[in-house]
Amino acid sequence: MRADLLPVAPPAALDTLTVDQNEAARLTNLSAKTLGRLADAGEPVGRVKIGRRVLYHRAKLSAWLLARAEGKAVVETGSEPSAH
């Protein structure tokens, strides 16, 4: 995975495993609603729901974005429970 995929953020921000849906939208240049729809459709964008919070796993989001940029299909490898 290329480290330069997502925009550069302050070092403290890169220490987090997840970003909130607004930050994920900003990083991908997609709306939060579009990211939610992609996750609902089975795209492995790294969405994690904890209670009412919606977060995105930074590494999975980056891998998905890189694969899309290269025209490759992305297959989810982990089995995370979905809280719909």
N, C-alpha and C. Protein backbone atom coordinates (compact mmCIF):
# COMPACT_ATOMS: atom_id res chain seq x y z
N MET A 1 0.84 -1.17 0.00
CA MET A 1 0.00 0.00 0.00
C MET A 1 0.89 1.24 0.00
N ARG A 2 0.54 2.23 -0.79
CA ARG A 2 1.32 3.45 -0.88
C ARG A 2 0.97 4.37 0.28
N ALA A 3 1.99 4.86 0.95
CA ALA A 3 1.80 5.74 2.11
C ALA A 3 1.34 7.13 1.67
N ASP A 4 1.56 7.49 0.42
CA ASP A 4 1.22 8.84 -0.03
C ASP A 4 -0.20 8.94 -0.58
N LEU A 5 -1.02 7.92 -0.37
CA LEU A 5 -2.36 7.94 -0.94
C LEU A 5 -3.24 9.01 -0.31
N LEU A 6 -3.30 9.05 1.01
CA LEU A 6 -4.11 10.04 1.68
C LEU A 6 -3.30 11.30 1.92
N PRO A 7 -3.97 12.45 1.94
CA PRO A 7 -3.25 13.71 2.16
C PRO A 7 -2.49 13.69 3.47
N VAL A 8 -1.44 14.48 3.51
CA VAL A 8 -0.60 14.55 4.71
C VAL A 8 -1.38 15.24 5.82
N ALA A 9 -1.34 14.65 7.01
CA ALA A 9 -2.00 15.21 8.17
C ALA A 9 -0.95 15.38 9.26
N PRO A 10 -1.26 16.16 10.28
CA PRO A 10 -0.31 16.29 11.39
C PRO A 10 0.00 14.92 11.98
N PRO A 11 1.22 14.69 12.47
CA PRO A 11 1.62 13.38 12.99
C PRO A 11 0.63 12.80 14.01
N ALA A 12 0.08 13.62 14.88
CA ALA A 12 -0.86 13.12 15.88
C ALA A 12 -2.10 12.53 15.22
N ALA A 13 -2.55 13.13 14.13
CA ALA A 13 -3.75 12.65 13.44
C ALA A 13 -3.50 11.30 12.77
N LEU A 14 -2.26 11.04 12.34
CA LEU A 14 -1.95 9.78 11.68
C LEU A 14 -1.82 8.63 12.67
N ASP A 15 -1.77 8.93 13.97
CA ASP A 15 -1.67 7.89 14.98
C ASP A 15 -2.99 7.15 15.17
N THR A 16 -4.09 7.71 14.69
CA THR A 16 -5.39 7.08 14.90
C THR A 16 -5.64 6.01 13.85
N LEU A 17 -6.31 4.95 14.27
CA LEU A 17 -6.67 3.87 13.35
C LEU A 17 -7.88 4.25 12.51
N THR A 18 -8.72 5.13 13.03
CA THR A 18 -9.96 5.48 12.35
C THR A 18 -10.07 6.98 12.18
N VAL A 19 -10.93 7.35 11.24
CA VAL A 19 -11.31 8.75 11.06
C VAL A 19 -12.84 8.80 11.07
N ASP A 20 -13.40 9.94 11.45
CA ASP A 20 -14.86 10.03 11.43
C ASP A 20 -15.34 10.19 9.99
N GLN A 21 -16.65 10.12 9.82
CA GLN A 21 -17.18 10.11 8.45
C GLN A 21 -16.92 11.43 7.72
N ASN A 22 -16.87 12.53 8.43
CA ASN A 22 -16.58 13.81 7.75
C ASN A 22 -15.13 13.86 7.28
N GLU A 23 -14.21 13.36 8.09
CA GLU A 23 -12.80 13.33 7.69
C GLU A 23 -12.60 12.34 6.53
N ALA A 24 -13.28 11.20 6.58
CA ALA A 24 -13.20 10.22 5.49
C ALA A 24 -13.71 10.83 4.20
N ALA A 25 -14.79 11.59 4.29
CA ALA A 25 -15.33 12.26 3.11
C ALA A 25 -14.34 13.28 2.57
N ARG A 26 -13.71 14.03 3.45
CA ARG A 26 -12.73 15.02 3.02
C ARG A 26 -11.52 14.35 2.36
N LEU A 27 -11.05 13.26 2.95
CA LEU A 27 -9.87 12.57 2.42
C LEU A 27 -10.12 11.95 1.05
N THR A 28 -11.33 11.47 0.81
CA THR A 28 -11.65 10.80 -0.45
C THR A 28 -12.28 11.73 -1.48
N ASN A 29 -12.64 12.92 -1.06
CA ASN A 29 -13.36 13.87 -1.92
C ASN A 29 -14.72 13.31 -2.35
N LEU A 30 -15.31 12.52 -1.47
CA LEU A 30 -16.67 12.01 -1.65
C LEU A 30 -17.51 12.51 -0.49
N SER A 31 -18.82 12.50 -0.64
CA SER A 31 -19.66 12.91 0.48
C SER A 31 -19.76 11.75 1.49
N ALA A 32 -20.08 12.10 2.72
CA ALA A 32 -20.27 11.09 3.75
C ALA A 32 -21.42 10.16 3.35
N LYS A 33 -22.43 10.71 2.71
CA LYS A 33 -23.57 9.91 2.27
C LYS A 33 -23.15 8.90 1.20
N THR A 34 -22.30 9.32 0.27
CA THR A 34 -21.81 8.42 -0.77
C THR A 34 -20.98 7.30 -0.16
N LEU A 35 -20.11 7.62 0.80
CA LEU A 35 -19.32 6.58 1.47
C LEU A 35 -20.24 5.59 2.18
N GLY A 36 -21.29 6.07 2.81
CA GLY A 36 -22.26 5.19 3.46
C GLY A 36 -22.95 4.28 2.47
N ARG A 37 -23.34 4.84 1.34
CA ARG A 37 -24.00 4.03 0.31
C ARG A 37 -23.05 2.97 -0.25
N LEU A 38 -21.79 3.34 -0.45
CA LEU A 38 -20.80 2.37 -0.93
C LEU A 38 -20.63 1.23 0.07
N ALA A 39 -20.56 1.57 1.36
CA ALA A 39 -20.44 0.54 2.39
C ALA A 39 -21.67 -0.35 2.41
N ASP A 40 -22.86 0.25 2.29
CA ASP A 40 -24.11 -0.53 2.26
C ASP A 40 -24.15 -1.47 1.07
N ALA A 41 -23.53 -1.06 -0.04
CA ALA A 41 -23.51 -1.88 -1.25
C ALA A 41 -22.43 -2.96 -1.21
N GLY A 42 -21.66 -3.00 -0.11
CA GLY A 42 -20.66 -4.05 0.02
C GLY A 42 -19.24 -3.64 -0.33
N GLU A 43 -19.04 -2.38 -0.70
CA GLU A 43 -17.68 -1.92 -0.99
C GLU A 43 -16.89 -1.91 0.32
N PRO A 44 -15.68 -2.44 0.32
CA PRO A 44 -14.88 -2.52 1.55
C PRO A 44 -14.16 -1.20 1.87
N VAL A 45 -14.95 -0.17 2.20
CA VAL A 45 -14.38 1.14 2.48
C VAL A 45 -13.93 1.27 3.93
N GLY A 46 -14.12 0.24 4.74
CA GLY A 46 -13.62 0.25 6.11
C GLY A 46 -14.55 0.88 7.12
N ARG A 47 -15.86 0.92 6.82
CA ARG A 47 -16.80 1.54 7.75
C ARG A 47 -16.96 0.68 8.99
N VAL A 48 -16.95 1.35 10.14
CA VAL A 48 -17.16 0.70 11.43
C VAL A 48 -18.20 1.52 12.17
N LYS A 49 -19.27 0.85 12.61
CA LYS A 49 -20.29 1.54 13.40
C LYS A 49 -20.14 1.13 14.86
N ILE A 50 -20.04 2.12 15.72
CA ILE A 50 -19.96 1.89 17.16
C ILE A 50 -21.04 2.75 17.79
N GLY A 51 -22.11 2.09 18.19
CA GLY A 51 -23.26 2.85 18.68
C GLY A 51 -23.81 3.68 17.54
N ARG A 52 -23.93 4.99 17.76
CA ARG A 52 -24.40 5.89 16.71
C ARG A 52 -23.25 6.52 15.92
N ARG A 53 -22.03 6.25 16.35
CA ARG A 53 -20.87 6.81 15.64
C ARG A 53 -20.52 5.98 14.42
N VAL A 54 -20.16 6.66 13.36
CA VAL A 54 -19.71 6.01 12.13
C VAL A 54 -18.26 6.42 11.92
N LEU A 55 -17.39 5.43 11.89
CA LEU A 55 -15.96 5.67 11.69
C LEU A 55 -15.49 4.89 10.48
N TYR A 56 -14.34 5.26 9.95
CA TYR A 56 -13.74 4.54 8.83
C TYR A 56 -12.32 4.16 9.21
N HIS A 57 -11.99 2.90 9.00
CA HIS A 57 -10.64 2.39 9.27
C HIS A 57 -9.71 2.99 8.23
N ARG A 58 -8.75 3.76 8.70
CA ARG A 58 -7.87 4.54 7.80
C ARG A 58 -7.16 3.66 6.77
N ALA A 59 -6.58 2.53 7.18
CA ALA A 59 -5.82 1.68 6.25
C ALA A 59 -6.73 1.04 5.20
N LYS A 60 -7.92 0.60 5.61
CA LYS A 60 -8.85 -0.02 4.65
C LYS A 60 -9.38 1.01 3.66
N LEU A 61 -9.65 2.20 4.15
CA LEU A 61 -10.12 3.27 3.27
C LEU A 61 -9.04 3.61 2.25
N SER A 62 -7.81 3.69 2.71
CA SER A 62 -6.69 3.99 1.82
C SER A 62 -6.49 2.88 0.78
N ALA A 63 -6.55 1.62 1.22
CA ALA A 63 -6.38 0.49 0.30
C ALA A 63 -7.50 0.47 -0.74
N TRP A 64 -8.73 0.74 -0.31
CA TRP A 64 -9.86 0.76 -1.24
C TRP A 64 -9.67 1.87 -2.28
N LEU A 65 -9.27 3.04 -1.81
CA LEU A 65 -9.09 4.17 -2.70
C LEU A 65 -7.97 3.91 -3.71
N LEU A 66 -6.88 3.34 -3.25
CA LEU A 66 -5.77 3.01 -4.15
C LEU A 66 -6.20 1.99 -5.20
N ALA A 67 -6.92 0.96 -4.78
CA ALA A 67 -7.38 -0.06 -5.72
C ALA A 67 -8.33 0.55 -6.75
N ARG A 68 -9.21 1.44 -6.31
CA ARG A 68 -10.13 2.09 -7.25
C ARG A 68 -9.36 2.96 -8.25
N ALA A 69 -8.34 3.64 -7.75
CA ALA A 69 -7.53 4.51 -8.63
C ALA A 69 -6.78 3.68 -9.67
N GLU A 70 -6.42 2.45 -9.31
CA GLU A 70 -5.70 1.57 -10.22
C GLU A 70 -6.65 0.69 -11.04
N GLY A 71 -7.96 0.84 -10.82
CA GLY A 71 -8.94 0.08 -11.59
C GLY A 71 -9.07 -1.36 -11.16
N LYS A 72 -8.70 -1.68 -9.93
CA LYS A 72 -8.78 -3.05 -9.43
C LYS A 72 -10.00 -3.22 -8.54
N ALA A 73 -10.51 -4.42 -8.50
CA ALA A 73 -11.59 -4.75 -7.58
C ALA A 73 -10.98 -5.00 -6.21
N VAL A 74 -11.70 -4.63 -5.17
CA VAL A 74 -11.23 -4.84 -3.80
C VAL A 74 -12.13 -5.87 -3.15
N VAL A 75 -11.52 -6.85 -2.50
CA VAL A 75 -12.27 -7.89 -1.81
C VAL A 75 -12.00 -7.77 -0.32
N GLU A 76 -13.06 -7.74 0.46
CA GLU A 76 -12.95 -7.68 1.92
C GLU A 76 -12.35 -8.97 2.41
N THR A 77 -11.30 -8.88 3.24
CA THR A 77 -10.63 -10.08 3.74
C THR A 77 -11.04 -10.42 5.16
N GLY A 78 -11.45 -9.44 5.92
CA GLY A 78 -11.84 -9.69 7.31
C GLY A 78 -13.34 -9.87 7.41
N SER A 79 -13.78 -10.45 8.50
CA SER A 79 -15.22 -10.59 8.70
C SER A 79 -15.61 -9.75 9.90
N GLU A 80 -15.99 -8.51 9.62
CA GLU A 80 -16.41 -7.61 10.67
C GLU A 80 -17.93 -7.60 10.74
N PRO A 81 -18.48 -7.68 11.94
CA PRO A 81 -19.93 -7.64 12.06
C PRO A 81 -20.46 -6.27 11.64
N SER A 82 -21.56 -6.28 10.96
CA SER A 82 -22.18 -5.05 10.51
C SER A 82 -23.36 -4.73 11.41
N ALA A 83 -23.40 -3.51 11.91
CA ALA A 83 -24.48 -3.08 12.80
C ALA A 83 -25.40 -2.14 12.05
N HIS A 84 -26.30 -2.67 11.27
CA HIS A 84 -27.22 -1.83 10.48
C HIS A 84 -28.47 -1.59 11.24
